Each structure stands twice: as C-alpha cells, then as structure tokens.
Amino acid sequence: MKLLNQSSFDLLKRSADAAVLRQKVLANNIANADTPHYKRSEVQFEQLLQEKVRTGSVTGYRTHPNHLPIGHDSNQSVIPSVVTDHRTKMNNNGNNVDIDMEMALLAKNQLNYNLFVGQIGHEITMLRKAIGGGN
C-alpha cells in the first residue's frame, strides 16, 4: 500500500513542482528586464487544473477496487507549461517585462510554495501519527 500516492498528496507535490518552475521563470524574467526584445514567460498550471475540474475530467480517489469510479480521466495529465507572451510590448526596446509585477508575482509564488510545502509536511505528520498511534 502506497500511502503517499494519494491524489491529494500527489496534487500538492505537483503544485510545489509547478511553483519551483514558476520561480525559475520569474527569476529569468527579472534577470532579463533590461534585455532588448526579451519577452516575458509565465507558467500555466492552475488554469489547466481548473479546466480539468470544470470539464469533469478529474477522477475521485478510490480506496477499494469495488468502489464506483468518479470521473473518467486522471489529473495526472495536468502538467505545468511555460508560455511566452509575444503579444505585448512595454518598453521602447521591445521588452515586455514589468519589474514591479514580476516582483509581486515572485512574492506570491513564494507564499504559495511555502503553503504547499507546509501542507505536505502536515500530511506526512498525520501519517506518522496514524502509524505510531498518536506519538
């Protein structure tokens, strides 16, 4: 029995992985804020996950093989993707990086990452308590 492969734990892990990727992309945007003709990139993960939930293609977690399946697809297929914004232009040099917005997104991403890691730690702590009898 794999205790840490539950869908909620897996989703938290993939959300943390997406936050790590977003951190790298935002840092790259900030580093290239003055580079002529550089186009900012962003990570899409939450939007893809919301689309999966909206279309009803997320499966429910089954604790027993005789339970009825909920949904028809797995949220395993939601993978973060990096998208480059070629449509906008912010500076005269063709660059579209707004340093203030990137710094705000960086702070928001850091808070989200801390939330995901904290929740993962909580899940592990709860499993340890369940296994150890509350000790």
Foldseek 3Di string as FASTA:
>chain_A
DDPCPFPVNVVLVQLLVLLVVQLVQLVVLLVCVPPFQDWGKGKDQVVQLVVCVVVQQDWDTDPDPPDDIGHDHHPVPRHIDIDTDQPDADDPRNYDRDNVVSVVVNVVSVVSSVVSVVVSVVSVVVVVCVVVVND
